[in-house]
Amino acid sequence: MSSDKISEQLRMVLIGPPGAGKGTQAPNLVDKFGAYHLSTGDMLRSQVKQGTDLGVAAKKIMDQGGLVSDEIMVNMIKSELTTNETCATKGFILDGFPRTIPQAEKLDEMLEGMKKPLQKAVELKVDDELLVARITGRLVHPSSGRSYHKLFNPPKKEMTDDITGEPLVQRSDDNAEALKKRLNSYHQQTEPIVDYYKKKGIWAGIDAAQNPAKVWGDIIKCLGF
């Protein structure tokens, strides 16, 4: 067994381009460790819906077509870590943040101030060509975030969630043209944080072109299990 084994609550960041499998692997991590999946998109929508101070501030910026500031996002994460019992006791899997080095630095500063530093930054690595094939066939269960694929991981019943029986949807931006723009943005902005986490000694790279079960096995191995 690895000496790097996560022996306390899980505190990790999941990094990867659109379609790399974050939406498939994050629920596996939740099931195994009981940690909370902090998807920043879901968290943002939740804070806006609840009308919290941070949600109101974020909505004002989004309504004007702006990008929510790094400070607001970090404070939203801090709020979840402080008020969410699962985060406090079991830890968290951060997905969708940080996307830039300044965000990674702000996140680290906040987590270290809370004495909850990151233990791992796991990167799911896939070639762009495969991602296009994956994304254009992706299906999502809106309320849970569960992902399927028309070819690689189809639901048991067409366009229907296996667990709830509710309809699946294809996101409007899951098309080749939109994906290429998102990939360009990912390569320019987010890939540099890989070097940032390598220097901190907490990065692990996973070949996410493999089947999901093999990817999951490799993630568990890099966490020391």
C-alpha atoms as a PDB file:
ATOM      1  CA  MET A   1       0.000   0.000   0.000  1.00  0.00           C
ATOM      2  CA  SER A   2       1.302   3.452  -0.933  1.00  0.00           C
ATOM      3  CA  SER A   3       2.659   5.789   1.726  1.00  0.00           C
ATOM      4  CA  ASP A   4       0.726   8.535  -0.090  1.00  0.00           C
ATOM      5  CA  LYS A   5      -2.590   6.987   0.951  1.00  0.00           C
ATOM      6  CA  ILE A   6      -5.302   9.529   1.726  1.00  0.00           C
ATOM      7  CA  SER A   7      -5.780   8.637   5.396  1.00  0.00           C
ATOM      8  CA  GLU A   8      -8.081  11.470   6.423  1.00  0.00           C
ATOM      9  CA  GLN A   9     -10.814  13.374   4.608  1.00  0.00           C
ATOM     10  CA  LEU A  10     -10.366  13.611   0.843  1.00  0.00           C
ATOM     11  CA  ARG A  11      -9.379  17.050  -0.473  1.00  0.00           C
ATOM     12  CA  MET A  12      -8.707  17.064  -4.199  1.00  0.00           C
ATOM     13  CA  VAL A  13      -9.104  18.918  -7.484  1.00  0.00           C
ATOM     14  CA  LEU A  14     -10.219  17.110 -10.632  1.00  0.00           C
ATOM     15  CA  ILE A  15      -8.688  18.667 -13.772  1.00  0.00           C
ATOM     16  CA  GLY A  16      -9.456  17.812 -17.381  1.00  0.00           C
ATOM     17  CA  PRO A  17     -10.846  19.157 -20.643  1.00  0.00           C
ATOM     18  CA  PRO A  18     -14.566  18.921 -21.494  1.00  0.00           C
ATOM     19  CA  GLY A  19     -15.447  15.259 -22.074  1.00  0.00           C
ATOM     20  CA  ALA A  20     -12.450  13.835 -20.194  1.00  0.00           C
ATOM     21  CA  GLY A  21     -14.735  11.976 -17.784  1.00  0.00           C
ATOM     22  CA  LYS A  22     -14.911  14.251 -14.724  1.00  0.00           C
ATOM     23  CA  GLY A  23     -18.696  13.798 -14.612  1.00  0.00           C
ATOM     24  CA  THR A  24     -18.254  10.013 -14.663  1.00  0.00           C
ATOM     25  CA  GLN A  25     -15.455   9.748 -12.097  1.00  0.00           C
ATOM     26  CA  ALA A  26     -16.569  12.371  -9.545  1.00  0.00           C
ATOM     27  CA  PRO A  27     -19.636  10.296  -8.460  1.00  0.00           C
ATOM     28  CA  ASN A  28     -17.323   7.268  -8.022  1.00  0.00           C
ATOM     29  CA  LEU A  29     -15.148   9.320  -5.668  1.00  0.00           C
ATOM     30  CA  VAL A  30     -18.245  10.476  -3.780  1.00  0.00           C
ATOM     31  CA  ASP A  31     -19.418   6.860  -3.384  1.00  0.00           C
ATOM     32  CA  LYS A  32     -16.034   5.584  -2.186  1.00  0.00           C
ATOM     33  CA  PHE A  33     -14.976   8.392   0.147  1.00  0.00           C
ATOM     34  CA  GLY A  34     -18.293  10.030   1.090  1.00  0.00           C
ATOM     35  CA  ALA A  35     -16.722  13.372   0.094  1.00  0.00           C
ATOM     36  CA  TYR A  36     -18.795  16.208  -1.373  1.00  0.00           C
ATOM     37  CA  HIS A  37     -18.642  16.916  -5.125  1.00  0.00           C
ATOM     38  CA  LEU A  38     -18.111  20.662  -5.419  1.00  0.00           C
ATOM     39  CA  SER A  39     -18.979  21.377  -9.047  1.00  0.00           C
ATOM     40  CA  THR A  40     -18.503  25.131  -9.320  1.00  0.00           C
ATOM     41  CA  GLY A  41     -21.267  25.494 -11.931  1.00  0.00           C
ATOM     42  CA  ASP A  42     -23.792  23.732  -9.651  1.00  0.00           C
ATOM     43  CA  MET A  43     -22.544  25.693  -6.646  1.00  0.00           C
ATOM     44  CA  LEU A  44     -22.957  29.006  -8.484  1.00  0.00           C
ATOM     45  CA  ARG A  45     -26.512  28.134  -9.551  1.00  0.00           C
ATOM     46  CA  SER A  46     -27.369  27.026  -5.998  1.00  0.00           C
ATOM     47  CA  GLN A  47     -26.079  30.245  -4.387  1.00  0.00           C
ATOM     48  CA  VAL A  48     -27.994  32.361  -6.943  1.00  0.00           C
ATOM     49  CA  LYS A  49     -31.180  30.338  -6.342  1.00  0.00           C
ATOM     50  CA  GLN A  50     -30.846  30.660  -2.553  1.00  0.00           C
ATOM     51  CA  GLY A  51     -30.305  34.412  -2.865  1.00  0.00           C
ATOM     52  CA  THR A  52     -27.194  34.448  -0.645  1.00  0.00           C
ATOM     53  CA  ASP A  53     -25.071  37.611  -0.596  1.00  0.00           C
ATOM     54  CA  LEU A  54     -22.524  35.896  -2.830  1.00  0.00           C
ATOM     55  CA  GLY A  55     -25.294  34.589  -5.118  1.00  0.00           C
ATOM     56  CA  VAL A  56     -26.817  38.052  -5.487  1.00  0.00           C
ATOM     57  CA  ALA A  57     -23.391  39.539  -6.305  1.00  0.00           C
ATOM     58  CA  ALA A  58     -22.689  36.769  -8.837  1.00  0.00           C
ATOM     59  CA  LYS A  59     -26.113  37.105 -10.506  1.00  0.00           C
ATOM     60  CA  LYS A  60     -25.624  40.840 -10.970  1.00  0.00           C
ATOM     61  CA  ILE A  61     -22.314  40.222 -12.753  1.00  0.00           C
ATOM     62  CA  MET A  62     -23.714  37.364 -14.904  1.00  0.00           C
ATOM     63  CA  ASP A  63     -26.813  39.386 -15.859  1.00  0.00           C
ATOM     64  CA  GLN A  64     -24.466  42.046 -17.231  1.00  0.00           C
ATOM     65  CA  GLY A  65     -22.612  39.387 -19.256  1.00  0.00           C
ATOM     66  CA  GLY A  66     -19.514  39.482 -17.050  1.00  0.00           C
ATOM     67  CA  LEU A  67     -17.416  36.715 -15.505  1.00  0.00           C
ATOM     68  CA  VAL A  68     -17.816  36.060 -11.802  1.00  0.00           C
ATOM     69  CA  SER A  69     -14.639  37.189 -10.033  1.00  0.00           C
ATOM     70  CA  ASP A  70     -12.096  34.764  -8.590  1.00  0.00           C
ATOM     71  CA  GLU A  71     -12.740  36.285  -5.157  1.00  0.00           C
ATOM     72  CA  ILE A  72     -16.474  35.503  -5.294  1.00  0.00           C
ATOM     73  CA  MET A  73     -15.809  31.930  -6.467  1.00  0.00           C
ATOM     74  CA  VAL A  74     -13.239  31.283  -3.723  1.00  0.00           C
ATOM     75  CA  ASN A  75     -15.618  32.728  -1.112  1.00  0.00           C
ATOM     76  CA  MET A  76     -18.422  30.486  -2.405  1.00  0.00           C
ATOM     77  CA  ILE A  77     -16.155  27.455  -2.014  1.00  0.00           C
ATOM     78  CA  LYS A  78     -15.198  28.657   1.492  1.00  0.00           C
ATOM     79  CA  SER A  79     -18.892  29.031   2.349  1.00  0.00           C
ATOM     80  CA  GLU A  80     -19.593  25.439   1.239  1.00  0.00           C
ATOM     81  CA  LEU A  81     -16.612  24.111   3.204  1.00  0.00           C
ATOM     82  CA  THR A  82     -17.765  25.975   6.293  1.00  0.00           C
ATOM     83  CA  THR A  83     -21.515  25.259   6.188  1.00  0.00           C
ATOM     84  CA  ASN A  84     -21.757  21.892   4.417  1.00  0.00           C
ATOM     85  CA  GLU A  85     -21.426  19.091   6.967  1.00  0.00           C
ATOM     86  CA  THR A  86     -20.186  16.552   4.393  1.00  0.00           C
ATOM     87  CA  CYS A  87     -17.397  18.927   3.288  1.00  0.00           C
ATOM     88  CA  ALA A  88     -16.431  19.503   6.904  1.00  0.00           C
ATOM     89  CA  THR A  89     -16.268  15.820   7.876  1.00  0.00           C
ATOM     90  CA  LYS A  90     -15.566  13.840   4.684  1.00  0.00           C
ATOM     91  CA  GLY A  91     -13.802  16.346   2.437  1.00  0.00           C
ATOM     92  CA  PHE A  92     -14.441  17.492  -1.127  1.00  0.00           C
ATOM     93  CA  ILE A  93     -13.776  16.909  -4.820  1.00  0.00           C
ATOM     94  CA  LEU A  94     -13.440  20.251  -6.632  1.00  0.00           C
ATOM     95  CA  ASP A  95     -14.503  20.165 -10.289  1.00  0.00           C
ATOM     96  CA  GLY A  96     -14.414  23.199 -12.614  1.00  0.00           C
ATOM     97  CA  PHE A  97     -12.194  25.364 -10.419  1.00  0.00           C
ATOM     98  CA  PRO A  98      -9.436  26.493 -10.454  1.00  0.00           C
ATOM     99  CA  ARG A  99      -9.138  27.231 -14.175  1.00  0.00           C
ATOM    100  CA  THR A 100      -6.141  29.595 -13.982  1.00  0.00           C
ATOM    101  CA  ILE A 101      -2.970  29.933 -11.911  1.00  0.00           C
ATOM    102  CA  PRO A 102      -4.232  33.045 -10.030  1.00  0.00           C
ATOM    103  CA  GLN A 103      -7.360  31.046  -9.093  1.00  0.00           C
ATOM    104  CA  ALA A 104      -5.199  28.124  -7.935  1.00  0.00           C
ATOM    105  CA  GLU A 105      -3.128  30.504  -5.788  1.00  0.00           C
ATOM    106  CA  LYS A 106      -6.220  32.119  -4.228  1.00  0.00           C
ATOM    107  CA  LEU A 107      -7.744  28.692  -3.566  1.00  0.00           C
ATOM    108  CA  ASP A 108      -4.552  27.450  -1.877  1.00  0.00           C
ATOM    109  CA  GLU A 109      -4.328  30.575   0.272  1.00  0.00           C
ATOM    110  CA  MET A 110      -7.936  30.097   1.449  1.00  0.00           C
ATOM    111  CA  LEU A 111      -7.599  26.332   2.076  1.00  0.00           C
ATOM    112  CA  GLU A 112      -4.306  26.712   3.936  1.00  0.00           C
ATOM    113  CA  GLY A 113      -5.931  29.422   6.078  1.00  0.00           C
ATOM    114  CA  MET A 114      -8.629  26.860   6.968  1.00  0.00           C
ATOM    115  CA  LYS A 115      -5.957  24.188   7.580  1.00  0.00           C
ATOM    116  CA  LYS A 116      -7.510  22.101   4.801  1.00  0.00           C
ATOM    117  CA  PRO A 117      -4.778  22.102   2.101  1.00  0.00           C
ATOM    118  CA  LEU A 118      -5.276  20.130  -1.092  1.00  0.00           C
ATOM    119  CA  GLN A 119      -3.909  16.583  -1.041  1.00  0.00           C
ATOM    120  CA  LYS A 120      -4.165  15.755  -4.757  1.00  0.00           C
ATOM    121  CA  ALA A 121      -4.712  17.408  -8.137  1.00  0.00           C
ATOM    122  CA  VAL A 122      -5.744  14.636 -10.536  1.00  0.00           C
ATOM    123  CA  GLU A 123      -5.571  15.429 -14.253  1.00  0.00           C
ATOM    124  CA  LEU A 124      -7.630  13.351 -16.712  1.00  0.00           C
ATOM    125  CA  LYS A 125      -5.653  13.444 -19.974  1.00  0.00           C
ATOM    126  CA  VAL A 126      -7.268  12.818 -23.392  1.00  0.00           C
ATOM    127  CA  ASP A 127      -6.410  13.805 -26.985  1.00  0.00           C
ATOM    128  CA  ASP A 128      -8.647  16.460 -28.560  1.00  0.00           C
ATOM    129  CA  GLU A 129      -9.758  14.160 -31.419  1.00  0.00           C
ATOM    130  CA  LEU A 130     -11.196  11.590 -29.013  1.00  0.00           C
ATOM    131  CA  LEU A 131     -12.872  14.325 -26.977  1.00  0.00           C
ATOM    132  CA  VAL A 132     -14.802  15.523 -30.040  1.00  0.00           C
ATOM    133  CA  ALA A 133     -16.138  11.986 -30.573  1.00  0.00           C
ATOM    134  CA  ARG A 134     -17.020  11.692 -26.895  1.00  0.00           C
ATOM    135  CA  ILE A 135     -18.674  15.069 -26.465  1.00  0.00           C
ATOM    136  CA  THR A 136     -20.908  15.022 -29.521  1.00  0.00           C
ATOM    137  CA  GLY A 137     -22.555  11.835 -28.220  1.00  0.00           C
ATOM    138  CA  ARG A 138     -22.768  12.852 -24.560  1.00  0.00           C
ATOM    139  CA  LEU A 139     -26.086  12.658 -22.700  1.00  0.00           C
ATOM    140  CA  VAL A 140     -26.664  14.120 -19.230  1.00  0.00           C
ATOM    141  CA  HIS A 141     -29.213  13.590 -16.456  1.00  0.00           C
ATOM    142  CA  PRO A 142     -29.790  17.249 -15.463  1.00  0.00           C
ATOM    143  CA  SER A 143     -30.650  16.891 -11.761  1.00  0.00           C
ATOM    144  CA  SER A 144     -27.821  14.494 -10.795  1.00  0.00           C
ATOM    145  CA  GLY A 145     -25.175  15.320 -13.420  1.00  0.00           C
ATOM    146  CA  ARG A 146     -24.836  11.618 -14.361  1.00  0.00           C
ATOM    147  CA  SER A 147     -23.261  11.268 -17.810  1.00  0.00           C
ATOM    148  CA  TYR A 148     -23.934   8.719 -20.554  1.00  0.00           C
ATOM    149  CA  HIS A 149     -22.797   8.383 -24.151  1.00  0.00           C
ATOM    150  CA  LYS A 150     -24.761   7.253 -27.183  1.00  0.00           C
ATOM    151  CA  LEU A 151     -21.893   4.959 -28.267  1.00  0.00           C
ATOM    152  CA  PHE A 152     -19.451   4.422 -25.388  1.00  0.00           C
ATOM    153  CA  ASN A 153     -21.792   4.289 -22.376  1.00  0.00           C
ATOM    154  CA  PRO A 154     -25.439   4.191 -23.508  1.00  0.00           C
ATOM    155  CA  PRO A 155     -28.306   4.170 -20.996  1.00  0.00           C
ATOM    156  CA  LYS A 156     -30.243   0.906 -20.673  1.00  0.00           C
ATOM    157  CA  LYS A 157     -33.269   2.619 -22.221  1.00  0.00           C
ATOM    158  CA  GLU A 158     -32.747   5.228 -24.937  1.00  0.00           C
ATOM    159  CA  MET A 159     -32.570   8.837 -23.640  1.00  0.00           C
ATOM    160  CA  THR A 160     -33.569   7.684 -20.115  1.00  0.00           C
ATOM    161  CA  ASP A 161     -31.614   7.802 -16.836  1.00  0.00           C
ATOM    162  CA  ASP A 162     -30.903   4.268 -15.552  1.00  0.00           C
ATOM    163  CA  ILE A 163     -31.622   5.156 -11.921  1.00  0.00           C
ATOM    164  CA  THR A 164     -34.581   7.565 -11.952  1.00  0.00           C
ATOM    165  CA  GLY A 165     -36.161   6.830 -15.350  1.00  0.00           C
ATOM    166  CA  GLU A 166     -36.150  10.582 -16.033  1.00  0.00           C
ATOM    167  CA  PRO A 167     -35.283  11.985 -19.497  1.00  0.00           C
ATOM    168  CA  LEU A 168     -31.666  12.627 -20.504  1.00  0.00           C
ATOM    169  CA  VAL A 169     -30.648  15.735 -22.429  1.00  0.00           C
ATOM    170  CA  GLN A 170     -27.853  16.721 -24.794  1.00  0.00           C
ATOM    171  CA  ARG A 171     -26.322  20.035 -23.799  1.00  0.00           C
ATOM    172  CA  SER A 172     -26.614  22.763 -26.430  1.00  0.00           C
ATOM    173  CA  ASP A 173     -22.844  23.363 -26.357  1.00  0.00           C
ATOM    174  CA  ASP A 174     -22.040  19.664 -26.880  1.00  0.00           C
ATOM    175  CA  ASN A 175     -21.252  20.066 -30.574  1.00  0.00           C
ATOM    176  CA  ALA A 176     -17.947  19.966 -32.455  1.00  0.00           C
ATOM    177  CA  GLU A 177     -17.681  23.706 -33.139  1.00  0.00           C
ATOM    178  CA  ALA A 178     -18.484  24.783 -29.569  1.00  0.00           C
ATOM    179  CA  LEU A 179     -16.186  22.085 -28.189  1.00  0.00           C
ATOM    180  CA  LYS A 180     -13.187  23.282 -30.199  1.00  0.00           C
ATOM    181  CA  LYS A 181     -13.603  26.774 -28.699  1.00  0.00           C
ATOM    182  CA  ARG A 182     -13.859  25.298 -25.194  1.00  0.00           C
ATOM    183  CA  LEU A 183     -10.761  23.149 -25.805  1.00  0.00           C
ATOM    184  CA  ASN A 184      -8.740  26.152 -27.023  1.00  0.00           C
ATOM    185  CA  SER A 185      -9.739  28.015 -23.869  1.00  0.00           C
ATOM    186  CA  TYR A 186      -8.800  24.988 -21.741  1.00  0.00           C
ATOM    187  CA  HIS A 187      -5.353  24.607 -23.350  1.00  0.00           C
ATOM    188  CA  GLN A 188      -4.554  28.320 -22.974  1.00  0.00           C
ATOM    189  CA  GLN A 189      -5.923  28.958 -19.475  1.00  0.00           C
ATOM    190  CA  THR A 190      -6.161  25.705 -17.545  1.00  0.00           C
ATOM    191  CA  GLU A 191      -3.263  23.528 -18.705  1.00  0.00           C
ATOM    192  CA  PRO A 192      -0.704  25.846 -17.005  1.00  0.00           C
ATOM    193  CA  ILE A 193      -2.148  24.881 -13.591  1.00  0.00           C
ATOM    194  CA  VAL A 194      -0.827  21.359 -14.185  1.00  0.00           C
ATOM    195  CA  ASP A 195       2.737  22.695 -13.845  1.00  0.00           C
ATOM    196  CA  TYR A 196       1.657  24.672 -10.782  1.00  0.00           C
ATOM    197  CA  TYR A 197       0.434  21.490  -9.034  1.00  0.00           C
ATOM    198  CA  LYS A 198       3.443  19.483 -10.236  1.00  0.00           C
ATOM    199  CA  LYS A 199       5.718  21.974  -8.476  1.00  0.00           C
ATOM    200  CA  LYS A 200       3.666  21.544  -5.300  1.00  0.00           C
ATOM    201  CA  GLY A 201       4.127  17.766  -5.562  1.00  0.00           C
ATOM    202  CA  ILE A 202       0.420  16.861  -5.520  1.00  0.00           C
ATOM    203  CA  TRP A 203      -0.275  16.316  -9.262  1.00  0.00           C
ATOM    204  CA  ALA A 204      -1.175  12.927 -10.723  1.00  0.00           C
ATOM    205  CA  GLY A 205      -1.840  12.350 -14.432  1.00  0.00           C
ATOM    206  CA  ILE A 206      -4.331   9.693 -15.557  1.00  0.00           C
ATOM    207  CA  ASP A 207      -4.776   8.367 -19.115  1.00  0.00           C
ATOM    208  CA  ALA A 208      -8.507   9.058 -19.493  1.00  0.00           C
ATOM    209  CA  ALA A 209      -8.678   7.599 -23.015  1.00  0.00           C
ATOM    210  CA  GLN A 210      -9.034   4.159 -21.386  1.00  0.00           C
ATOM    211  CA  ASN A 211     -12.393   2.653 -20.485  1.00  0.00           C
ATOM    212  CA  PRO A 212     -14.018   4.243 -17.387  1.00  0.00           C
ATOM    213  CA  ALA A 213     -13.360   1.220 -15.150  1.00  0.00           C
ATOM    214  CA  LYS A 214      -9.600   1.322 -15.921  1.00  0.00           C
ATOM    215  CA  VAL A 215      -9.538   5.112 -15.390  1.00  0.00           C
ATOM    216  CA  TRP A 216     -11.241   4.614 -12.020  1.00  0.00           C
ATOM    217  CA  GLY A 217      -8.687   1.960 -11.046  1.00  0.00           C
ATOM    218  CA  ASP A 218      -5.842   4.336 -11.890  1.00  0.00           C
ATOM    219  CA  ILE A 219      -7.416   7.175  -9.876  1.00  0.00           C
ATOM    220  CA  ILE A 220      -7.777   4.923  -6.831  1.00  0.00           C
ATOM    221  CA  LYS A 221      -4.146   3.810  -7.251  1.00  0.00           C
ATOM    222  CA  CYS A 222      -2.861   7.392  -7.374  1.00  0.00           C
ATOM    223  CA  LEU A 223      -4.777   8.094  -4.145  1.00  0.00           C
ATOM    224  CA  GLY A 224      -2.910   5.209  -2.520  1.00  0.00           C
ATOM    225  CA  PHE A 225      -5.604   2.506  -2.475  1.00  0.00           C
END
